[in-house]
């Protein structure tokens, strides 16, 4: 985005900071709507620096990716039900558990 804006400046077309902020917020995908709404309501877009907006959006993107990674790890987790044979004593079960953990 900044490369395009800088190239436009070289051709004589410049945009105000407010216009740049609004253009970025407008082009974000629908999944970002809650974040866009929060920024629009919490910040004064006429004075919000472009760098601060980009930093906020990158932080939000990182947070979203971290949440996705946690969800993927939860889906890949396995749980096994432990069962105990009737003829084993508690001590034999403990020894078997410790032995299986060392293997």
C-alpha atoms as a PDB file:
ATOM      1  CA  UNK A   1       0.000   0.000   0.000  1.00  0.00           C
ATOM      2  CA  UNK A   2       2.718   2.440   0.952  1.00  0.00           C
ATOM      3  CA  UNK A   3       4.633   1.610  -2.244  1.00  0.00           C
ATOM      4  CA  UNK A   4       1.571   2.493  -4.325  1.00  0.00           C
ATOM      5  CA  UNK A   5       0.983   5.691  -2.363  1.00  0.00           C
ATOM      6  CA  UNK A   6       4.615   6.736  -2.761  1.00  0.00           C
ATOM      7  CA  UNK A   7       4.468   6.049  -6.498  1.00  0.00           C
ATOM      8  CA  UNK A   8       1.322   8.152  -6.791  1.00  0.00           C
ATOM      9  CA  UNK A   9       3.093  11.000  -4.971  1.00  0.00           C
ATOM     10  CA  UNK A  10       5.847  10.842  -7.602  1.00  0.00           C
ATOM     11  CA  UNK A  11       3.178  11.340 -10.278  1.00  0.00           C
ATOM     12  CA  UNK A  12       1.723  14.322  -8.445  1.00  0.00           C
ATOM     13  CA  UNK A  13      -1.284  12.634  -6.807  1.00  0.00           C
ATOM     14  CA  UNK A  14      -1.293  12.800  -3.028  1.00  0.00           C
ATOM     15  CA  UNK A  15      -3.838  11.786  -0.422  1.00  0.00           C
ATOM     16  CA  UNK A  16      -4.412  13.124   3.057  1.00  0.00           C
ATOM     17  CA  UNK A  17      -3.717  10.854   6.018  1.00  0.00           C
ATOM     18  CA  UNK A  18      -7.455  10.642   6.694  1.00  0.00           C
ATOM     19  CA  UNK A  19      -8.125   9.452   3.123  1.00  0.00           C
ATOM     20  CA  UNK A  20      -5.418   6.787   3.398  1.00  0.00           C
ATOM     21  CA  UNK A  21      -6.778   5.513   6.724  1.00  0.00           C
ATOM     22  CA  UNK A  22     -10.310   5.298   5.315  1.00  0.00           C
ATOM     23  CA  UNK A  23      -9.112   3.509   2.165  1.00  0.00           C
ATOM     24  CA  UNK A  24      -7.326   0.842   4.202  1.00  0.00           C
ATOM     25  CA  UNK A  25     -10.302   0.290   6.504  1.00  0.00           C
ATOM     26  CA  UNK A  26     -12.653   0.098   3.534  1.00  0.00           C
ATOM     27  CA  UNK A  27     -10.633  -2.564   1.696  1.00  0.00           C
ATOM     28  CA  UNK A  28     -10.340  -5.035   4.604  1.00  0.00           C
ATOM     29  CA  UNK A  29     -12.260  -8.342   4.285  1.00  0.00           C
ATOM     30  CA  UNK A  30     -15.585  -8.907   6.056  1.00  0.00           C
ATOM     31  CA  UNK A  31     -13.920 -10.997   8.761  1.00  0.00           C
ATOM     32  CA  UNK A  32     -12.263  -7.770   9.937  1.00  0.00           C
ATOM     33  CA  UNK A  33     -15.559  -5.864  10.307  1.00  0.00           C
ATOM     34  CA  UNK A  34     -15.562  -5.995  14.139  1.00  0.00           C
ATOM     35  CA  UNK A  35     -12.028  -4.576  14.262  1.00  0.00           C
ATOM     36  CA  UNK A  36     -12.840  -1.871  11.696  1.00  0.00           C
ATOM     37  CA  UNK A  37     -15.923  -0.870  13.675  1.00  0.00           C
ATOM     38  CA  UNK A  38     -13.921  -0.738  16.907  1.00  0.00           C
ATOM     39  CA  UNK A  39     -11.276   1.482  15.314  1.00  0.00           C
ATOM     40  CA  UNK A  40     -13.855   3.787  13.736  1.00  0.00           C
ATOM     41  CA  UNK A  41     -15.684   4.245  17.034  1.00  0.00           C
ATOM     42  CA  UNK A  42     -12.660   4.473  19.325  1.00  0.00           C
ATOM     43  CA  UNK A  43     -10.340   6.624  17.239  1.00  0.00           C
ATOM     44  CA  UNK A  44     -10.595   9.967  15.532  1.00  0.00           C
ATOM     45  CA  UNK A  45      -9.866   8.955  11.944  1.00  0.00           C
ATOM     46  CA  UNK A  46      -8.994  12.518  10.973  1.00  0.00           C
ATOM     47  CA  UNK A  47      -5.984  12.475  13.323  1.00  0.00           C
ATOM     48  CA  UNK A  48      -5.125   8.748  13.414  1.00  0.00           C
ATOM     49  CA  UNK A  49      -1.612   8.287  11.996  1.00  0.00           C
ATOM     50  CA  UNK A  50      -1.335   5.705   9.219  1.00  0.00           C
ATOM     51  CA  UNK A  51       1.517   3.969  11.050  1.00  0.00           C
ATOM     52  CA  UNK A  52      -0.605   3.540  14.179  1.00  0.00           C
ATOM     53  CA  UNK A  53      -3.460   2.060  12.124  1.00  0.00           C
ATOM     54  CA  UNK A  54      -1.127  -0.391  10.392  1.00  0.00           C
ATOM     55  CA  UNK A  55       0.419  -1.393  13.723  1.00  0.00           C
ATOM     56  CA  UNK A  56      -3.001  -2.013  15.222  1.00  0.00           C
ATOM     57  CA  UNK A  57      -4.080  -4.094  12.232  1.00  0.00           C
ATOM     58  CA  UNK A  58      -0.883  -6.163  12.274  1.00  0.00           C
ATOM     59  CA  UNK A  59      -1.320  -6.841  15.992  1.00  0.00           C
ATOM     60  CA  UNK A  60      -4.897  -7.952  15.377  1.00  0.00           C
ATOM     61  CA  UNK A  61      -3.776 -10.214  12.526  1.00  0.00           C
ATOM     62  CA  UNK A  62      -1.148 -11.851  14.744  1.00  0.00           C
ATOM     63  CA  UNK A  63      -3.729 -12.411  17.472  1.00  0.00           C
ATOM     64  CA  UNK A  64      -6.137 -13.993  14.982  1.00  0.00           C
ATOM     65  CA  UNK A  65      -3.411 -16.345  13.701  1.00  0.00           C
ATOM     66  CA  UNK A  66      -2.500 -17.362  17.255  1.00  0.00           C
ATOM     67  CA  UNK A  67      -6.146 -18.191  17.987  1.00  0.00           C
ATOM     68  CA  UNK A  68      -6.324 -20.278  14.804  1.00  0.00           C
ATOM     69  CA  UNK A  69      -3.182 -22.197  15.821  1.00  0.00           C
ATOM     70  CA  UNK A  70      -4.637 -22.946  19.257  1.00  0.00           C
ATOM     71  CA  UNK A  71      -7.861 -24.214  17.669  1.00  0.00           C
ATOM     72  CA  UNK A  72      -5.915 -26.479  15.295  1.00  0.00           C
ATOM     73  CA  UNK A  73      -3.915 -27.919  18.197  1.00  0.00           C
ATOM     74  CA  UNK A  74      -7.116 -28.595  20.124  1.00  0.00           C
ATOM     75  CA  UNK A  75      -8.598 -30.433  17.134  1.00  0.00           C
ATOM     76  CA  UNK A  76      -5.476 -32.605  16.802  1.00  0.00           C
ATOM     77  CA  UNK A  77      -5.482 -33.664  20.457  1.00  0.00           C
ATOM     78  CA  UNK A  78      -6.353 -37.226  21.348  1.00  0.00           C
ATOM     79  CA  UNK A  79      -7.795 -38.545  24.560  1.00  0.00           C
ATOM     80  CA  UNK A  80      -7.696 -42.184  25.532  1.00  0.00           C
ATOM     81  CA  UNK A  81      -9.864 -43.727  28.161  1.00  0.00           C
ATOM     82  CA  UNK A  82      -7.897 -45.597  30.781  1.00  0.00           C
ATOM     83  CA  UNK A  83      -9.146 -48.952  31.876  1.00  0.00           C
ATOM     84  CA  UNK A  84      -8.006 -51.208  34.662  1.00  0.00           C
ATOM     85  CA  UNK A  85      -8.116 -54.946  34.543  1.00  0.00           C
ATOM     86  CA  UNK A  86      -9.877 -56.565  37.481  1.00  0.00           C
ATOM     87  CA  UNK A  87      -7.057 -58.971  38.312  1.00  0.00           C
ATOM     88  CA  UNK A  88      -4.369 -56.252  38.745  1.00  0.00           C
ATOM     89  CA  UNK A  89      -3.722 -54.682  42.110  1.00  0.00           C
ATOM     90  CA  UNK A  90      -3.219 -50.945  42.446  1.00  0.00           C
ATOM     91  CA  UNK A  91       0.545 -51.356  42.799  1.00  0.00           C
ATOM     92  CA  UNK A  92       0.794 -53.451  39.636  1.00  0.00           C
ATOM     93  CA  UNK A  93      -1.181 -50.795  37.779  1.00  0.00           C
ATOM     94  CA  UNK A  94       1.142 -48.042  38.997  1.00  0.00           C
ATOM     95  CA  UNK A  95       4.229 -50.012  37.969  1.00  0.00           C
ATOM     96  CA  UNK A  96       2.719 -50.719  34.553  1.00  0.00           C
ATOM     97  CA  UNK A  97       1.891 -47.026  34.090  1.00  0.00           C
ATOM     98  CA  UNK A  98       5.417 -45.915  35.041  1.00  0.00           C
ATOM     99  CA  UNK A  99       6.942 -48.578  32.782  1.00  0.00           C
ATOM    100  CA  UNK A 100       4.796 -47.538  29.827  1.00  0.00           C
ATOM    101  CA  UNK A 101       5.813 -43.898  30.311  1.00  0.00           C
ATOM    102  CA  UNK A 102       9.505 -44.811  30.137  1.00  0.00           C
ATOM    103  CA  UNK A 103       9.035 -46.707  26.868  1.00  0.00           C
END
